Each structure stands twice: as structure tokens, then as C-alpha cells.
Amino acid sequence: MHGTEVVHSTLIHATFCSYRVRNVVACEGKWVVVPGLIRKSLVVASVAIAAVSVITPPALADPVLAEPGTVVSESPLPQHLWLPGAGAAHRVTYVSTGPSGERALSTGAVFVPSGTPPEGGWPVVSWAHGTVGIADHCAPSTAGTSVRTNDHLNRWMSEGYAIVATDYVGLGTPGDHPYLDGRTAAYSVTDMVRAARRVSPTLSRRWVAMGQSQGGHATLFTASLATRYAPELDFRGAVTTGAPSNLAQAFALTGPYIPDLPLGGLIPYTAYLFAGLKAARPDFDPDSYLTAAGKEAVEAAHTLCYADLKKKVEGLTIGKMLSRSLLFGDFYKTASSVLDVPLTGYDRPFFIAQGVNDLDVPIVLTMKLVADLKLRGVRFTHKYYPGADHGTTPTESLPDTVPFVKELFN
């Protein structure tokens, strides 16, 4: 394992070992090298480990830290998870950056087109996925993606791009997934490119970020920081569809007085949001805002992927979920620091696509984002698509986004 340094030998009592990468096991947050005979019998179990070596791996151990984008493990992606147009596909575990700036692990998939790469390598689309859940088993690189997403990504692959797709920090790796923590997600999106190029040398330094829904939110953050975070890469720009914005302000208006709102997956999104805020800011107390029904929904969010959570909370309204207004206490301050889309820092072109009939991300939120960006002199392209809803905006926007991205690489 590159970058692994044995520091000293000690005695550690590990009451729960939850994750393993090669010889390395995470035991209550401590990373240890397990001797071979023990390692063979240790997968996910309560154990006591004696006479093992504390290490400084390329992930979470302090003080020696691996560089973001370092590949911790790589394996062939199971064939049933391949994009149809791929000539090779890999699953990788790599080092990224967590909510407080600490090193954290992420996983993701690398899809390399079939055929001979162009001079300089395959240009890269770093895909940021929409909401799937926050439980480890929801991660797309193990659970797969929808037919609609596969078709969308395969279209981009057919245009000659390699697709690299992060799962995000904490989604399939140790720790909780900080859902809608835009900066952490942007680091995962960017470090996915770094890791993918280590796995597949045929990939170019030139790349764009692209995302839908939660991934659209992540893509906006990526567009605002990519050139500074990864200056050795050649970031060309971004495409975002159905991206939520102005969430802290919108949610701050809600409370037990709010009637049922016909907004798609509002309740499962809210449950994930509260769980994500707690993961990103551990001092935040979501229970202080939740009714018993709201607490139950957030608890279910930790184990259920999106479709199952949506069924679980059917009939629950935002008013019945909240015990007090989100305008008071530390909700707005916490949510703003995690969720608010940057209004500055953009130094590459980007495209915002929004469906007029989107009931998951109402168009008024995007209209305000567009106005705020323009007021600050940010140069970008945006378009509204009549008839498109949350799920169809990526496809409806292709006649505009395909030439837009092509021009970025030209």
C-alpha cells in the first residue's frame, strides 16, 4: 500500500471493526494492520486485537496524511454494473477530504470507453450522482444506478468521454455521509479524477464536472473550487441539472405551521438533510427541531435508500415532522455553512439547466441563484426547459449541454 508507514507496535482493544481495505481494518476509528492469521477470520465482527501495528495509512491516520486522490484499493467492477459502452470498468477506494478538512475515504467507479484513446488520453466527465440515500449499501458503485442514469452516462461515453463517478465520502466508507455538504462532495468529485487517472493511465488531465440533483449541488461547488483544489489537473468547466440551491433560506421558513407541500420527495430529502447536517457539523442537534415522527424518519434515513425511505414516510408532512420553526436556534447558521451554493470563485464556464416542471427542486430556487450569480458578475450559461421535470431535465438539456461541453474541450 503506497504511503503506509509502520509507526510502532502496541496493544489495542478493538470492540468493533467495521471496514477493511487490503490489510487495513478500521476499529472504532483507529486504523490497524492485522496479522495474516487474524485477518483471514476478521471481516465485520467484534474482536480483540493484540500485538498489532498502528500505522499511518493513506487515509485517516494522523499526523502523516496521504495526498487526496491516493488509491487505497482497486478491483474490477462487476460486469452487471458496467455502462454498456465501456471497454473497462474499475471500482476504487481513494483518499479525499472530509467536512472538517480531515482525510476521508470515498469509493467510486471508473468507466473507460472501448477503442483507442485520442492523443492526450480520454477527456473525463466526473459524474456526481443524485440522491440515493446515506446508508453504505446505497452507494452506486455497489448498488448500481437507474436505467435513466445509465442511459444518460452512456450518451456521454458515446461522445468520447471517460466517465468517473464518485460515491461521495461516507457513502460506502467509514463514517456518516454528510449529505448535501457541498464542499465535501466537491472534493470527492475532484479527487475521483485524480484517483481514476492513477488506475487508468489512458485518462486525460482535461476534465469537466457534471451532476444531477444532489450531484448538481456538488457540481456547483466543484466549479467554484476545482482549479484551486487540484491545480495539476486541467478543469474545463461544469454542467449541472436539477441542482438545489438556497436551501437554508427555504427551510428556515418552515415549521409545524407549514401545510403539506406538493414537492416531490420533500420528506425523505428533509430526513437525509438533517442526518447530513449532523454528519457535517457534529455539534448540531437535529432532535431539538423534530417531533417523534420526525426523529423516526431521520433514524430510518440512516438505513433506507431513497425509494424505500419514501415509502416509509408516506403520509408524513413537513409540519408533522418539525416541532418548532427552523428560523430559530442554530439551524440556519449551520445549514448555511454546509448547504449554501458559492456565489464567487468560478473561473471556468458552467451550465445550469432547470426543468420548469421540477417539483423536487422548484424553479424559483434556481431563478434566485441565477439572479444572485449575475449580480456578482459571474459568467455562466443557464436555460429553463418547459415540460421537463426533475428526472427528465438531464435528457432534455442534452441538445444544449453536449455542444457546450465539446466547446469546453476545444
Protein backbone atom coordinates (compact mmCIF):
# COMPACT_ATOMS: atom_id res chain seq x y z
CA MET A 1 0.00 0.00 0.00
CA HIS A 2 1.60 3.27 -1.10
CA GLY A 3 2.36 5.68 1.71
CA THR A 4 1.86 3.19 4.55
CA GLU A 5 4.34 3.63 7.38
CA VAL A 6 4.56 1.36 10.43
CA VAL A 7 4.97 3.64 13.43
CA HIS A 8 5.14 1.34 16.44
CA SER A 9 3.81 -1.87 17.92
CA THR A 10 1.22 -1.67 20.65
CA LEU A 11 -1.77 -3.40 22.26
CA ILE A 12 -5.18 -2.25 21.15
CA HIS A 13 -8.58 -3.48 22.26
CA ALA A 14 -10.90 -3.02 19.30
CA THR A 15 -14.52 -3.59 20.14
CA PHE A 16 -15.82 -3.17 16.62
CA CYS A 17 -14.06 -3.42 13.31
CA SER A 18 -16.32 -2.10 10.60
CA TYR A 19 -14.31 -1.82 7.42
CA ARG A 20 -11.34 -3.40 5.71
CA VAL A 21 -9.09 -2.31 2.86
CA ARG A 22 -6.41 -4.84 1.99
CA ASN A 23 -4.52 -5.41 5.27
CA VAL A 24 -6.03 -2.38 6.98
CA VAL A 25 -9.04 -2.50 9.28
CA ALA A 26 -10.90 0.39 10.88
CA CYS A 27 -11.64 -0.36 14.55
CA GLU A 28 -13.65 2.36 16.31
CA GLY A 29 -11.95 4.91 14.08
CA LYS A 30 -8.43 3.52 14.56
CA TRP A 31 -6.66 2.03 11.57
CA VAL A 32 -4.57 -1.06 12.34
CA VAL A 33 -2.63 -3.65 10.40
CA VAL A 34 -3.95 -7.11 11.27
CA PRO A 35 -1.57 -10.12 11.20
CA GLY A 36 -2.38 -12.62 8.49
CA LEU A 37 -3.92 -15.36 10.64
CA ILE A 38 -6.23 -12.87 12.32
CA ARG A 39 -7.01 -11.07 9.09
CA LYS A 40 -8.35 -14.22 7.44
CA SER A 41 -11.03 -14.56 10.08
CA LEU A 42 -11.82 -10.87 10.52
CA VAL A 43 -14.38 -9.26 8.20
CA VAL A 44 -17.07 -7.45 10.16
CA ALA A 45 -17.08 -8.56 13.78
CA SER A 46 -16.39 -7.66 17.40
CA VAL A 47 -12.85 -8.65 18.14
CA ALA A 48 -9.93 -8.06 20.45
CA ILE A 49 -6.71 -7.47 18.57
CA ALA A 50 -3.40 -7.88 20.40
CA ALA A 51 0.14 -7.07 19.30
CA VAL A 52 -0.73 -5.26 16.11
CA SER A 53 0.97 -2.31 14.49
CA VAL A 54 -0.60 1.13 14.49
CA ILE A 55 0.02 2.57 11.06
CA THR A 56 -0.14 5.78 9.17
CA PRO A 57 -2.16 4.71 6.11
CA PRO A 58 -3.04 6.91 3.18
CA ALA A 59 -6.37 7.81 4.72
CA LEU A 60 -7.39 8.85 8.21
CA ALA A 61 -4.40 8.30 10.48
CA ASP A 62 -2.73 11.37 11.92
CA PRO A 63 -0.23 13.03 11.70
CA VAL A 64 1.09 11.62 8.42
CA LEU A 65 -1.56 12.16 5.75
CA ALA A 66 -1.76 10.79 2.24
CA GLU A 67 -2.42 13.11 -0.65
CA PRO A 68 -6.05 13.42 -1.81
CA GLY A 69 -6.62 11.16 -4.80
CA THR A 70 -4.35 8.40 -3.47
CA VAL A 71 -5.77 5.00 -4.45
CA VAL A 72 -6.19 2.70 -1.45
CA SER A 73 -7.67 -0.22 -3.35
CA GLU A 74 -8.81 -1.08 -6.88
CA SER A 75 -10.75 -4.01 -8.30
CA PRO A 76 -12.65 -4.83 -11.49
CA LEU A 77 -16.22 -3.58 -11.38
CA PRO A 78 -18.72 -6.47 -11.63
CA GLN A 79 -19.92 -6.79 -15.21
CA HIS A 80 -23.58 -6.13 -14.38
CA LEU A 81 -22.63 -2.64 -13.14
CA TRP A 82 -20.81 -1.61 -16.33
CA LEU A 83 -22.06 1.11 -18.61
CA PRO A 84 -22.95 -0.54 -21.94
CA GLY A 85 -20.32 1.38 -23.88
CA ALA A 86 -17.42 0.76 -21.52
CA GLY A 87 -14.32 -1.14 -22.58
CA ALA A 88 -13.07 -1.41 -18.98
CA ALA A 89 -14.51 -0.59 -15.59
CA HIS A 90 -12.97 -0.40 -12.14
CA ARG A 91 -14.12 0.19 -8.57
CA VAL A 92 -11.71 2.26 -6.50
CA THR A 93 -11.35 3.34 -2.90
CA TYR A 94 -9.41 6.57 -2.62
CA VAL A 95 -8.42 9.34 -0.25
CA SER A 96 -10.39 12.58 -0.23
CA THR A 97 -11.20 15.40 2.19
CA GLY A 98 -13.94 15.33 4.81
CA PRO A 99 -16.17 18.05 6.30
CA SER A 100 -13.62 19.48 8.72
CA GLY A 101 -10.67 19.19 6.37
CA GLU A 102 -9.57 15.77 7.60
CA ARG A 103 -8.61 12.98 5.24
CA ALA A 104 -11.51 10.65 4.50
CA LEU A 105 -12.20 7.72 2.21
CA SER A 106 -14.50 7.64 -0.78
CA THR A 107 -15.31 4.99 -3.32
CA GLY A 108 -16.32 5.29 -6.94
CA ALA A 109 -16.36 3.73 -10.39
CA VAL A 110 -14.19 4.36 -13.45
CA PHE A 111 -15.59 3.66 -16.92
CA VAL A 112 -13.13 3.73 -19.81
CA PRO A 113 -14.50 3.78 -23.37
CA SER A 114 -13.66 0.94 -25.70
CA GLY A 115 -11.29 1.66 -28.55
CA THR A 116 -8.11 3.69 -28.85
CA PRO A 117 -7.88 6.84 -26.75
CA PRO A 118 -7.26 10.14 -28.54
CA GLU A 119 -3.93 11.91 -28.29
CA GLY A 120 -3.52 13.09 -24.70
CA GLY A 121 -5.96 10.48 -23.37
CA TRP A 122 -9.70 10.23 -22.92
CA PRO A 123 -11.24 13.52 -21.76
CA VAL A 124 -13.01 12.96 -18.45
CA VAL A 125 -16.54 13.59 -17.20
CA SER A 126 -16.62 13.40 -13.40
CA TRP A 127 -20.21 12.45 -12.62
CA ALA A 128 -21.90 13.48 -9.36
CA HIS A 129 -24.97 11.35 -8.67
CA GLY A 130 -28.33 12.42 -7.31
CA THR A 131 -29.86 11.37 -4.00
CA VAL A 132 -29.69 7.62 -3.43
CA GLY A 133 -29.58 7.58 0.37
CA ILE A 134 -26.88 7.82 3.03
CA ALA A 135 -26.52 4.16 4.03
CA ASP A 136 -23.42 2.37 2.77
CA HIS A 137 -25.40 -0.16 0.76
CA CYS A 138 -26.92 2.67 -1.31
CA ALA A 139 -23.56 3.59 -2.90
CA PRO A 140 -23.90 3.45 -6.72
CA SER A 141 -20.60 1.64 -7.26
CA THR A 142 -22.04 -1.35 -5.39
CA ALA A 143 -25.82 -0.88 -5.68
CA GLY A 144 -25.82 0.24 -9.32
CA THR A 145 -27.71 3.15 -10.85
CA SER A 146 -31.05 3.60 -12.58
CA VAL A 147 -31.63 2.79 -16.23
CA ARG A 148 -32.19 6.50 -16.87
CA THR A 149 -28.82 7.42 -15.33
CA ASN A 150 -27.04 4.63 -17.20
CA ASP A 151 -28.55 5.81 -20.49
CA HIS A 152 -27.52 9.38 -19.74
CA LEU A 153 -23.92 8.46 -18.88
CA ASN A 154 -23.66 6.12 -21.82
CA ARG A 155 -24.64 9.01 -24.10
CA TRP A 156 -21.67 10.97 -22.80
CA MET A 157 -19.39 7.96 -23.20
CA SER A 158 -20.56 7.63 -26.80
CA GLU A 159 -19.36 11.20 -27.33
CA GLY A 160 -15.83 10.06 -26.44
CA TYR A 161 -15.57 10.78 -22.72
CA ALA A 162 -14.38 8.53 -19.91
CA ILE A 163 -16.85 8.56 -17.01
CA VAL A 164 -15.63 8.62 -13.42
CA ALA A 165 -18.33 8.52 -10.77
CA THR A 166 -17.76 9.12 -7.08
CA ASP A 167 -19.98 7.67 -4.36
CA TYR A 168 -19.02 10.61 -2.04
CA VAL A 169 -17.25 10.47 1.30
CA GLY A 170 -19.02 8.30 3.88
CA LEU A 171 -21.29 6.56 1.39
CA GLY A 172 -19.79 3.07 1.38
CA THR A 173 -16.81 4.05 3.54
CA PRO A 174 -16.27 4.66 7.29
CA GLY A 175 -18.23 7.47 8.89
CA ASP A 176 -21.59 9.04 8.11
CA HIS A 177 -22.25 10.55 4.70
CA PRO A 178 -22.55 14.36 5.04
CA TYR A 179 -25.47 14.65 2.66
CA LEU A 180 -25.54 17.99 0.80
CA ASP A 181 -22.28 19.14 2.32
CA GLY A 182 -21.31 20.76 -0.96
CA ARG A 183 -17.61 21.26 -0.32
CA THR A 184 -17.00 17.72 0.84
CA ALA A 185 -18.89 16.40 -2.18
CA ALA A 186 -16.85 18.66 -4.47
CA TYR A 187 -13.64 17.26 -3.02
CA SER A 188 -14.93 13.74 -3.72
CA VAL A 189 -15.80 14.69 -7.32
CA THR A 190 -12.36 16.21 -7.90
CA ASP A 191 -10.33 13.53 -6.12
CA MET A 192 -12.21 10.92 -8.13
CA VAL A 193 -10.45 12.28 -11.23
CA ARG A 194 -7.08 12.09 -9.52
CA ALA A 195 -7.70 8.50 -8.42
CA ALA A 196 -9.11 7.43 -11.79
CA ARG A 197 -6.02 8.67 -13.62
CA ARG A 198 -3.86 6.56 -11.31
CA VAL A 199 -5.97 3.50 -12.09
CA SER A 200 -6.24 4.14 -15.84
CA PRO A 201 -3.29 5.99 -17.44
CA THR A 202 -5.33 6.45 -20.64
CA LEU A 203 -7.34 9.23 -18.97
CA SER A 204 -6.53 12.84 -19.78
CA ARG A 205 -5.79 15.68 -17.36
CA ARG A 206 -8.66 17.55 -19.02
CA TRP A 207 -11.98 17.12 -17.25
CA VAL A 208 -15.41 18.56 -16.58
CA ALA A 209 -17.76 18.09 -13.64
CA MET A 210 -21.36 17.07 -14.25
CA GLY A 211 -24.17 16.28 -11.84
CA GLN A 212 -27.89 15.92 -11.29
CA SER A 213 -29.93 16.89 -8.20
CA GLN A 214 -27.69 16.33 -5.14
CA GLY A 215 -24.93 15.90 -7.70
CA GLY A 216 -25.88 19.19 -9.36
CA HIS A 217 -25.37 20.87 -5.99
CA ALA A 218 -21.99 19.14 -5.68
CA THR A 219 -21.09 20.22 -9.22
CA LEU A 220 -21.68 23.89 -8.49
CA PHE A 221 -19.33 23.65 -5.52
CA THR A 222 -16.83 21.80 -7.71
CA ALA A 223 -16.95 24.55 -10.32
CA SER A 224 -16.13 27.12 -7.64
CA LEU A 225 -13.06 25.37 -6.22
CA ALA A 226 -11.65 22.78 -8.66
CA THR A 227 -8.80 24.83 -10.12
CA ARG A 228 -7.52 25.78 -6.67
CA TYR A 229 -8.02 22.37 -5.07
CA ALA A 230 -6.43 20.38 -7.91
CA PRO A 231 -4.22 22.76 -9.93
CA GLU A 232 -2.31 19.86 -11.51
CA LEU A 233 -5.47 18.85 -13.40
CA ASP A 234 -6.97 20.78 -16.29
CA PHE A 235 -10.51 21.63 -15.21
CA ARG A 236 -12.55 22.94 -18.16
CA GLY A 237 -16.00 23.63 -16.68
CA ALA A 238 -19.24 22.07 -15.50
CA VAL A 239 -22.82 21.11 -16.28
CA THR A 240 -25.43 21.00 -13.55
CA THR A 241 -29.06 19.86 -13.82
CA GLY A 242 -31.80 20.00 -11.20
CA ALA A 243 -29.36 21.48 -8.67
CA PRO A 244 -30.88 22.51 -5.33
CA SER A 245 -29.84 25.95 -4.05
CA ASN A 246 -31.00 28.49 -1.47
CA LEU A 247 -31.93 25.56 0.75
CA ALA A 248 -31.01 27.10 4.11
CA GLN A 249 -33.21 30.10 3.42
CA ALA A 250 -36.11 28.00 2.15
CA PHE A 251 -36.02 25.55 5.05
CA ALA A 252 -35.67 28.34 7.60
CA LEU A 253 -39.22 29.41 6.72
CA THR A 254 -40.66 26.05 7.70
CA GLY A 255 -42.02 24.78 10.98
CA PRO A 256 -45.01 22.94 12.47
CA TYR A 257 -47.31 25.54 10.91
CA ILE A 258 -46.42 24.53 7.31
CA PRO A 259 -49.16 22.56 5.47
CA ASP A 260 -48.47 19.65 3.17
CA LEU A 261 -46.49 20.80 0.13
CA PRO A 262 -46.64 19.00 -3.24
CA LEU A 263 -42.87 18.93 -3.65
CA GLY A 264 -41.76 15.51 -4.80
CA GLY A 265 -39.54 13.82 -2.23
CA LEU A 266 -39.58 16.67 0.30
CA ILE A 267 -39.87 14.44 3.37
CA PRO A 268 -37.12 11.93 2.52
CA TYR A 269 -34.90 14.82 1.38
CA THR A 270 -35.54 16.57 4.70
CA ALA A 271 -34.73 13.43 6.68
CA TYR A 272 -31.46 13.00 4.77
CA LEU A 273 -30.70 16.70 5.18
CA PHE A 274 -31.00 16.57 8.97
CA ALA A 275 -28.81 13.47 9.10
CA GLY A 276 -26.31 15.10 6.75
CA LEU A 277 -26.10 18.29 8.83
CA LYS A 278 -25.30 16.20 11.89
CA ALA A 279 -22.58 14.34 9.97
CA ALA A 280 -21.06 17.58 8.68
CA ARG A 281 -21.42 19.51 11.93
CA PRO A 282 -21.43 17.09 14.91
CA ASP A 283 -22.39 19.85 17.37
CA PHE A 284 -25.71 20.38 15.60
CA ASP A 285 -28.69 18.83 17.44
CA PRO A 286 -31.37 17.83 14.91
CA ASP A 287 -33.59 16.28 17.59
CA SER A 288 -34.26 19.71 19.06
CA TYR A 289 -36.28 20.52 15.91
CA LEU A 290 -38.04 17.21 15.38
CA THR A 291 -41.24 15.61 16.56
CA ALA A 292 -41.30 11.92 17.44
CA ALA A 293 -42.37 11.21 13.85
CA GLY A 294 -39.56 13.41 12.55
CA LYS A 295 -36.97 11.63 14.68
CA GLU A 296 -38.25 8.29 13.40
CA ALA A 297 -37.89 9.49 9.79
CA VAL A 298 -34.31 10.66 10.35
CA GLU A 299 -33.44 7.39 12.07
CA ALA A 300 -34.87 5.46 9.10
CA ALA A 301 -32.83 7.66 6.75
CA HIS A 302 -29.64 6.12 8.14
CA THR A 303 -30.59 2.66 6.88
CA LEU A 304 -33.02 3.07 3.96
CA CYS A 305 -32.17 4.05 0.41
CA TYR A 306 -34.30 6.72 -1.25
CA ALA A 307 -37.13 4.62 -2.72
CA ASP A 308 -37.63 2.66 0.50
CA LEU A 309 -37.45 5.76 2.69
CA LYS A 310 -40.01 7.50 0.51
CA LYS A 311 -42.41 4.60 1.09
CA LYS A 312 -41.61 4.57 4.81
CA VAL A 313 -42.50 8.24 5.34
CA GLU A 314 -45.55 8.29 3.08
CA GLY A 315 -48.24 10.43 4.69
CA LEU A 316 -45.79 12.40 6.83
CA THR A 317 -45.80 16.16 6.20
CA ILE A 318 -43.14 18.76 6.92
CA GLY A 319 -45.43 20.30 9.54
CA LYS A 320 -45.79 16.97 11.35
CA MET A 321 -42.05 16.38 11.12
CA LEU A 322 -40.98 19.61 12.84
CA SER A 323 -41.60 20.56 16.47
CA ARG A 324 -40.52 24.20 16.09
CA SER A 325 -39.58 26.74 13.47
CA LEU A 326 -36.22 26.26 11.76
CA LEU A 327 -35.79 30.02 11.82
CA PHE A 328 -34.72 29.86 15.47
CA GLY A 329 -31.75 28.28 17.17
CA ASP A 330 -28.67 27.22 15.24
CA PHE A 331 -30.37 25.60 12.22
CA TYR A 332 -29.92 28.47 9.78
CA LYS A 333 -26.31 29.20 10.71
CA THR A 334 -25.41 25.51 10.49
CA ALA A 335 -27.33 24.86 7.30
CA SER A 336 -25.92 27.94 5.58
CA SER A 337 -22.34 26.88 6.26
CA VAL A 338 -22.99 23.45 4.74
CA LEU A 339 -25.59 23.96 2.01
CA ASP A 340 -25.23 27.45 0.54
CA VAL A 341 -24.03 27.35 -3.07
CA PRO A 342 -20.99 29.64 -3.55
CA LEU A 343 -21.65 32.88 -5.39
CA THR A 344 -17.97 33.55 -6.12
CA GLY A 345 -14.85 31.62 -7.07
CA TYR A 346 -15.94 30.50 -10.53
CA ASP A 347 -13.14 30.73 -13.08
CA ARG A 348 -14.37 28.29 -15.73
CA PRO A 349 -17.61 28.21 -17.78
CA PHE A 350 -20.57 26.30 -16.39
CA PHE A 351 -24.10 25.50 -17.49
CA ILE A 352 -27.21 25.48 -15.25
CA ALA A 353 -30.18 23.52 -16.61
CA GLN A 354 -33.53 23.67 -14.81
CA GLY A 355 -36.83 21.97 -15.60
CA VAL A 356 -39.83 24.26 -15.40
CA ASN A 357 -42.00 21.42 -14.03
CA ASP A 358 -39.44 20.28 -11.45
CA LEU A 359 -41.28 19.60 -8.17
CA ASP A 360 -38.19 18.34 -6.34
CA VAL A 361 -36.15 21.50 -6.96
CA PRO A 362 -38.68 24.27 -7.60
CA ILE A 363 -37.67 26.65 -10.37
CA VAL A 364 -37.91 29.70 -8.07
CA LEU A 365 -34.86 28.49 -6.13
CA THR A 366 -32.80 28.30 -9.32
CA MET A 367 -34.11 31.64 -10.55
CA LYS A 368 -32.84 33.26 -7.35
CA LEU A 369 -29.45 31.54 -7.75
CA VAL A 370 -29.19 32.79 -11.33
CA ALA A 371 -30.03 36.34 -10.23
CA ASP A 372 -27.52 36.25 -7.36
CA LEU A 373 -24.74 34.99 -9.63
CA LYS A 374 -25.46 37.64 -12.26
CA LEU A 375 -25.42 40.39 -9.63
CA ARG A 376 -21.89 39.33 -8.76
CA GLY A 377 -20.75 39.35 -12.36
CA VAL A 378 -20.32 35.59 -12.67
CA ARG A 379 -20.25 34.45 -16.30
CA PHE A 380 -22.24 31.27 -16.97
CA THR A 381 -24.94 29.78 -19.19
CA HIS A 382 -28.41 28.86 -17.98
CA LYS A 383 -31.58 27.60 -19.59
CA TYR A 384 -35.06 26.62 -18.42
CA TYR A 385 -36.76 23.64 -20.07
CA PRO A 386 -40.57 23.82 -20.40
CA GLY A 387 -42.18 20.45 -19.78
CA ALA A 388 -39.10 18.96 -18.10
CA ASP A 389 -39.39 17.68 -14.56
CA HIS A 390 -36.65 16.76 -12.10
CA GLY A 391 -35.83 13.42 -13.69
CA THR A 392 -36.06 14.43 -17.35
CA THR A 393 -34.01 17.65 -17.27
CA PRO A 394 -30.66 15.88 -17.94
CA THR A 395 -32.05 14.31 -21.13
CA GLU A 396 -33.99 17.39 -22.26
CA SER A 397 -30.89 19.53 -21.91
CA LEU A 398 -28.57 17.28 -23.97
CA PRO A 399 -29.04 19.22 -27.25
CA ASP A 400 -27.50 22.19 -25.42
CA THR A 401 -25.08 20.58 -23.00
CA VAL A 402 -23.36 18.22 -25.47
CA PRO A 403 -22.10 21.08 -27.71
CA PHE A 404 -21.38 23.17 -24.61
CA VAL A 405 -19.03 20.51 -23.21
CA LYS A 406 -17.49 19.85 -26.62
CA GLU A 407 -16.59 23.52 -26.85
CA LEU A 408 -15.01 23.38 -23.40
CA PHE A 409 -12.57 20.75 -24.60
CA ASN A 410 -11.88 22.58 -27.85
